[in-house]
Every structure is written in structure tokens, then in C-alpha cells.
N, C-alpha and C. Protein backbone atom coordinates (compact mmCIF):
# COMPACT_ATOMS: atom_id res chain seq x y z
N UNK A 1 34.38 6.11 -74.87
CA UNK A 1 33.52 5.17 -75.56
C UNK A 1 32.44 4.65 -74.61
N UNK A 2 32.81 4.12 -73.43
CA UNK A 2 31.83 3.62 -72.48
C UNK A 2 30.93 4.75 -72.00
N UNK A 3 31.53 5.89 -71.75
CA UNK A 3 30.75 7.04 -71.29
C UNK A 3 29.68 7.40 -72.32
N UNK A 4 30.05 7.44 -73.57
CA UNK A 4 29.08 7.80 -74.62
C UNK A 4 27.93 6.80 -74.69
N UNK A 5 28.27 5.51 -74.59
CA UNK A 5 27.24 4.48 -74.62
C UNK A 5 26.30 4.61 -73.41
N UNK A 6 26.86 4.89 -72.25
CA UNK A 6 26.02 5.05 -71.06
C UNK A 6 25.13 6.31 -71.17
N UNK A 7 25.70 7.38 -71.70
CA UNK A 7 24.88 8.60 -71.89
C UNK A 7 23.75 8.36 -72.91
N UNK A 8 24.05 7.66 -73.98
CA UNK A 8 23.01 7.35 -74.95
C UNK A 8 21.94 6.46 -74.34
N UNK A 9 22.35 5.50 -73.54
CA UNK A 9 21.39 4.65 -72.85
C UNK A 9 20.52 5.45 -71.89
N UNK A 10 21.13 6.41 -71.19
CA UNK A 10 20.40 7.27 -70.28
C UNK A 10 19.38 8.12 -71.03
N UNK A 11 19.80 8.69 -72.16
CA UNK A 11 18.89 9.50 -72.96
C UNK A 11 17.70 8.67 -73.45
N UNK A 12 17.96 7.47 -73.90
CA UNK A 12 16.89 6.59 -74.37
C UNK A 12 15.95 6.22 -73.23
N UNK A 13 16.53 5.87 -72.09
CA UNK A 13 15.73 5.53 -70.91
C UNK A 13 14.85 6.69 -70.48
N UNK A 14 15.40 7.90 -70.48
CA UNK A 14 14.61 9.06 -70.12
C UNK A 14 13.50 9.32 -71.13
N UNK A 15 13.82 9.18 -72.41
CA UNK A 15 12.85 9.42 -73.47
C UNK A 15 11.64 8.48 -73.33
N UNK A 16 11.91 7.23 -73.02
CA UNK A 16 10.83 6.24 -72.92
C UNK A 16 10.36 5.98 -71.49
N UNK A 17 10.86 6.82 -70.58
CA UNK A 17 10.46 6.75 -69.16
C UNK A 17 10.72 5.37 -68.56
N UNK A 18 11.88 4.86 -68.84
CA UNK A 18 12.33 3.56 -68.29
C UNK A 18 13.20 3.84 -67.07
N UNK A 19 12.55 4.03 -65.93
CA UNK A 19 13.26 4.48 -64.75
C UNK A 19 14.33 3.51 -64.29
N UNK A 20 14.06 2.20 -64.39
CA UNK A 20 15.07 1.22 -63.98
C UNK A 20 16.31 1.27 -64.83
N UNK A 21 16.13 1.43 -66.13
CA UNK A 21 17.27 1.54 -67.03
C UNK A 21 18.03 2.85 -66.82
N UNK A 22 17.29 3.92 -66.54
CA UNK A 22 17.93 5.21 -66.28
C UNK A 22 18.79 5.12 -65.03
N UNK A 23 18.26 4.49 -63.98
CA UNK A 23 19.03 4.35 -62.74
C UNK A 23 20.28 3.53 -62.97
N UNK A 24 20.14 2.45 -63.76
CA UNK A 24 21.29 1.60 -64.08
C UNK A 24 22.36 2.38 -64.83
N UNK A 25 21.95 3.19 -65.80
CA UNK A 25 22.90 3.99 -66.56
C UNK A 25 23.59 5.00 -65.66
N UNK A 26 22.84 5.66 -64.79
CA UNK A 26 23.42 6.64 -63.87
C UNK A 26 24.40 5.96 -62.91
N UNK A 27 24.02 4.80 -62.43
CA UNK A 27 24.87 4.04 -61.51
C UNK A 27 26.25 3.76 -62.14
N UNK A 28 26.24 3.28 -63.37
CA UNK A 28 27.52 2.96 -64.03
C UNK A 28 28.23 4.20 -64.57
N UNK A 29 27.48 5.17 -65.03
CA UNK A 29 28.07 6.41 -65.52
C UNK A 29 28.76 7.16 -64.38
N UNK A 30 28.15 7.14 -63.20
CA UNK A 30 28.74 7.81 -62.05
C UNK A 30 30.14 7.30 -61.76
N UNK A 31 30.27 5.98 -61.74
CA UNK A 31 31.59 5.39 -61.47
C UNK A 31 32.56 5.69 -62.61
N UNK A 32 32.10 5.60 -63.86
CA UNK A 32 32.96 5.90 -65.00
C UNK A 32 33.49 7.33 -64.93
N UNK A 33 32.62 8.27 -64.61
CA UNK A 33 33.04 9.67 -64.49
C UNK A 33 34.03 9.85 -63.33
N UNK A 34 33.74 9.18 -62.22
CA UNK A 34 34.63 9.27 -61.07
C UNK A 34 36.03 8.75 -61.41
N UNK A 35 36.07 7.68 -62.15
CA UNK A 35 37.38 7.12 -62.54
C UNK A 35 38.14 8.03 -63.49
N UNK A 36 37.40 8.90 -64.19
CA UNK A 36 38.04 9.86 -65.09
C UNK A 36 38.47 11.12 -64.33
N UNK A 37 38.20 11.14 -63.02
CA UNK A 37 38.53 12.32 -62.23
C UNK A 37 37.46 13.39 -62.24
N UNK A 38 36.34 13.11 -62.83
CA UNK A 38 35.23 14.08 -62.88
C UNK A 38 34.31 13.77 -61.71
N UNK A 39 34.86 14.07 -60.53
CA UNK A 39 34.26 13.62 -59.27
C UNK A 39 32.91 14.26 -58.97
N UNK A 40 32.76 15.55 -59.23
CA UNK A 40 31.48 16.20 -58.94
C UNK A 40 30.36 15.63 -59.79
N UNK A 41 30.64 15.46 -61.07
CA UNK A 41 29.64 14.91 -61.97
C UNK A 41 29.32 13.44 -61.63
N UNK A 42 30.37 12.69 -61.32
CA UNK A 42 30.18 11.30 -60.93
C UNK A 42 29.37 11.17 -59.64
N UNK A 43 29.67 12.05 -58.70
CA UNK A 43 28.92 12.06 -57.43
C UNK A 43 27.44 12.35 -57.69
N UNK A 44 27.18 13.33 -58.53
CA UNK A 44 25.78 13.69 -58.82
C UNK A 44 25.03 12.52 -59.44
N UNK A 45 25.66 11.87 -60.42
CA UNK A 45 25.03 10.72 -61.06
C UNK A 45 24.75 9.61 -60.06
N UNK A 46 25.73 9.32 -59.22
CA UNK A 46 25.57 8.23 -58.26
C UNK A 46 24.51 8.57 -57.21
N UNK A 47 24.44 9.83 -56.79
CA UNK A 47 23.39 10.24 -55.85
C UNK A 47 22.00 10.09 -56.48
N UNK A 48 21.90 10.41 -57.76
CA UNK A 48 20.62 10.24 -58.46
C UNK A 48 20.26 8.75 -58.56
N UNK A 49 21.25 7.90 -58.79
CA UNK A 49 21.00 6.47 -58.86
C UNK A 49 20.53 5.94 -57.50
N UNK A 50 21.17 6.40 -56.42
CA UNK A 50 20.75 5.99 -55.08
C UNK A 50 19.29 6.36 -54.85
N UNK A 51 18.93 7.60 -55.20
CA UNK A 51 17.54 8.05 -55.01
C UNK A 51 16.57 7.21 -55.83
N UNK A 52 16.93 6.93 -57.07
CA UNK A 52 16.04 6.13 -57.95
C UNK A 52 15.87 4.73 -57.42
N UNK A 53 16.95 4.09 -57.01
CA UNK A 53 16.85 2.74 -56.49
C UNK A 53 16.07 2.70 -55.17
N UNK A 54 16.26 3.73 -54.34
CA UNK A 54 15.50 3.79 -53.10
C UNK A 54 14.01 3.92 -53.41
N UNK A 55 13.65 4.77 -54.36
CA UNK A 55 12.25 4.97 -54.75
C UNK A 55 11.64 3.67 -55.30
N UNK A 56 12.44 2.89 -56.03
CA UNK A 56 11.98 1.61 -56.59
C UNK A 56 11.90 0.51 -55.53
N UNK A 57 12.57 0.71 -54.41
CA UNK A 57 12.66 -0.33 -53.40
C UNK A 57 13.69 -1.39 -53.74
N UNK A 58 14.62 -1.07 -54.63
CA UNK A 58 15.66 -2.00 -55.04
C UNK A 58 16.85 -1.84 -54.09
N UNK A 59 16.79 -2.57 -52.98
CA UNK A 59 17.80 -2.43 -51.93
C UNK A 59 19.20 -2.86 -52.40
N UNK A 60 19.25 -3.94 -53.15
CA UNK A 60 20.56 -4.43 -53.58
C UNK A 60 21.29 -3.39 -54.44
N UNK A 61 20.61 -2.82 -55.42
CA UNK A 61 21.28 -1.84 -56.28
C UNK A 61 21.46 -0.49 -55.59
N UNK A 62 20.57 -0.17 -54.66
CA UNK A 62 20.82 1.04 -53.85
C UNK A 62 22.12 0.88 -53.07
N UNK A 63 22.31 -0.30 -52.50
CA UNK A 63 23.56 -0.56 -51.78
C UNK A 63 24.77 -0.48 -52.69
N UNK A 64 24.65 -1.05 -53.89
CA UNK A 64 25.74 -0.99 -54.85
C UNK A 64 26.07 0.44 -55.26
N UNK A 65 25.03 1.24 -55.45
CA UNK A 65 25.24 2.66 -55.81
C UNK A 65 25.91 3.40 -54.68
N UNK A 66 25.54 3.07 -53.46
CA UNK A 66 26.19 3.71 -52.32
C UNK A 66 27.67 3.34 -52.21
N UNK A 67 28.00 2.12 -52.59
CA UNK A 67 29.42 1.72 -52.60
C UNK A 67 30.19 2.54 -53.64
N UNK A 68 29.60 2.66 -54.85
CA UNK A 68 30.25 3.50 -55.87
C UNK A 68 30.36 4.94 -55.39
N UNK A 69 29.30 5.44 -54.75
CA UNK A 69 29.31 6.81 -54.24
C UNK A 69 30.42 6.97 -53.20
N UNK A 70 30.55 6.01 -52.31
CA UNK A 70 31.61 6.06 -51.30
C UNK A 70 32.99 6.09 -51.94
N UNK A 71 33.17 5.35 -53.02
CA UNK A 71 34.44 5.32 -53.75
C UNK A 71 34.75 6.70 -54.32
N UNK A 72 33.74 7.33 -54.91
CA UNK A 72 33.91 8.67 -55.49
C UNK A 72 34.20 9.69 -54.40
N UNK A 73 33.47 9.63 -53.30
CA UNK A 73 33.67 10.56 -52.19
C UNK A 73 35.07 10.42 -51.60
N UNK A 74 35.54 9.19 -51.47
CA UNK A 74 36.89 8.96 -50.94
C UNK A 74 37.94 9.56 -51.88
N UNK A 75 37.73 9.38 -53.18
CA UNK A 75 38.68 9.94 -54.17
C UNK A 75 38.69 11.48 -54.11
N UNK A 76 37.53 12.05 -53.74
CA UNK A 76 37.44 13.51 -53.63
C UNK A 76 37.98 14.02 -52.27
N UNK A 77 38.34 13.08 -51.39
CA UNK A 77 38.89 13.47 -50.09
C UNK A 77 37.84 13.66 -48.99
N UNK A 78 36.59 13.37 -49.29
CA UNK A 78 35.50 13.48 -48.31
C UNK A 78 35.35 12.14 -47.60
N UNK A 79 36.32 11.85 -46.73
CA UNK A 79 36.38 10.53 -46.13
C UNK A 79 35.25 10.26 -45.13
N UNK A 80 34.82 11.27 -44.40
CA UNK A 80 33.73 11.05 -43.46
C UNK A 80 32.43 10.66 -44.15
N UNK A 81 32.08 11.39 -45.20
CA UNK A 81 30.86 11.07 -45.93
C UNK A 81 31.02 9.75 -46.67
N UNK A 82 32.22 9.47 -47.17
CA UNK A 82 32.48 8.18 -47.83
C UNK A 82 32.24 7.03 -46.85
N UNK A 83 32.72 7.19 -45.65
CA UNK A 83 32.51 6.14 -44.64
C UNK A 83 31.03 5.98 -44.32
N UNK A 84 30.31 7.09 -44.20
CA UNK A 84 28.86 7.02 -43.93
C UNK A 84 28.14 6.26 -45.04
N UNK A 85 28.48 6.56 -46.28
CA UNK A 85 27.83 5.86 -47.40
C UNK A 85 28.17 4.39 -47.42
N UNK A 86 29.43 4.07 -47.12
CA UNK A 86 29.86 2.66 -47.10
C UNK A 86 29.12 1.90 -45.99
N UNK A 87 29.01 2.51 -44.83
CA UNK A 87 28.29 1.88 -43.73
C UNK A 87 26.81 1.66 -44.08
N UNK A 88 26.20 2.67 -44.67
CA UNK A 88 24.79 2.55 -45.09
C UNK A 88 24.64 1.44 -46.12
N UNK A 89 25.59 1.35 -47.04
CA UNK A 89 25.56 0.29 -48.06
C UNK A 89 25.61 -1.10 -47.41
N UNK A 90 26.50 -1.26 -46.44
CA UNK A 90 26.61 -2.56 -45.76
C UNK A 90 25.32 -2.91 -45.03
N UNK A 91 24.71 -1.93 -44.39
CA UNK A 91 23.43 -2.17 -43.70
C UNK A 91 22.35 -2.58 -44.69
N UNK A 92 22.26 -1.83 -45.78
CA UNK A 92 21.24 -2.11 -46.80
C UNK A 92 21.48 -3.48 -47.43
N UNK A 93 22.71 -3.78 -47.79
CA UNK A 93 23.00 -5.05 -48.45
C UNK A 93 22.78 -6.23 -47.52
N UNK A 94 23.09 -6.06 -46.24
CA UNK A 94 22.83 -7.12 -45.28
C UNK A 94 21.33 -7.37 -45.16
N UNK A 95 20.54 -6.29 -45.07
CA UNK A 95 19.09 -6.41 -45.00
C UNK A 95 18.53 -7.04 -46.27
N UNK A 96 19.05 -6.67 -47.41
CA UNK A 96 18.58 -7.22 -48.69
C UNK A 96 18.85 -8.72 -48.76
N UNK A 97 20.00 -9.14 -48.26
CA UNK A 97 20.33 -10.57 -48.28
C UNK A 97 19.39 -11.35 -47.37
N UNK A 98 19.13 -10.81 -46.18
CA UNK A 98 18.22 -11.48 -45.25
C UNK A 98 16.83 -11.59 -45.88
N UNK A 99 16.36 -10.51 -46.48
CA UNK A 99 15.04 -10.53 -47.13
C UNK A 99 15.00 -11.56 -48.24
N UNK A 100 16.04 -11.60 -49.06
CA UNK A 100 16.09 -12.56 -50.17
C UNK A 100 16.07 -14.00 -49.67
N UNK A 101 16.81 -14.27 -48.60
CA UNK A 101 16.82 -15.62 -48.04
C UNK A 101 15.45 -15.99 -47.48
N UNK A 102 14.81 -15.05 -46.77
CA UNK A 102 13.49 -15.31 -46.21
C UNK A 102 12.47 -15.52 -47.30
N UNK A 103 12.55 -14.72 -48.34
CA UNK A 103 11.63 -14.85 -49.48
C UNK A 103 11.78 -16.22 -50.13
N UNK A 104 13.01 -16.68 -50.29
CA UNK A 104 13.25 -17.99 -50.86
C UNK A 104 12.69 -19.10 -49.96
N UNK A 105 12.80 -18.92 -48.67
CA UNK A 105 12.27 -19.90 -47.73
C UNK A 105 10.76 -20.00 -47.87
N UNK A 106 10.09 -18.86 -47.93
CA UNK A 106 8.62 -18.88 -48.02
C UNK A 106 8.15 -19.38 -49.37
N UNK A 107 8.90 -19.11 -50.43
CA UNK A 107 8.56 -19.68 -51.74
C UNK A 107 8.62 -21.19 -51.71
N UNK A 108 9.55 -21.73 -50.95
CA UNK A 108 9.69 -23.18 -50.84
C UNK A 108 8.51 -23.82 -50.11
N UNK A 109 7.78 -23.04 -49.34
CA UNK A 109 6.63 -23.57 -48.60
C UNK A 109 5.37 -23.63 -49.44
N UNK A 110 5.38 -23.00 -50.58
CA UNK A 110 4.18 -22.94 -51.43
C UNK A 110 3.84 -24.28 -52.04
């Protein structure tokens, strides 16, 4: 049921060229597929979400996608790559938090 809704959302996003919505659907679909044991397909979706979020400059969701990707990779037994993705996610998310805090500080000066 959830998979079907996510796939329909992805099709709609692609049809209307809504890249942010497409990335969001891939991000969640990847994890859903991974939890169903469809690890290759889940990995592909999550890798596409990482690429889309990186292209958008959305560091927070890129980090989240990398965490989901690490989860899928670990389930597939690829522990080294899973660890690499998890470490990259932590670096990205830490940088995103610092940026967000600095941005809030400068907004307060306006």
C-alpha cells in the first residue's frame, strides 16, 4: 500500500517535473523497498535521492538519504560502504546544523 502510494507520487512528480517531490518519494521508497528485502532496488532509489538532494543543495535531506542508504547497505552485508555513507551523513548533517544556526543568527541581525 505505502509502496504504491510512493510510486504514484513519484510518477506524478516526474510528470510535472517536481524534482523536490520526486527526491522525497525516492528517499522514502528506497527505505520501504529495503525493508521488504528488495535491497538492490532500494539502494538504487536511495542513491538517486542522494544525488537529487545534493544537486538541490539540500544538505539535511541528503544526509537523511545517506542514513537510509547506509541502513540498506548494512542489510545487504556491505558494511564498509554502509559505514562510509553513515560517516558522510554525519558530516553533512553537522555542517547543515551549523549553517542553519549561523543563518538564524544573521537573520536576527536584520
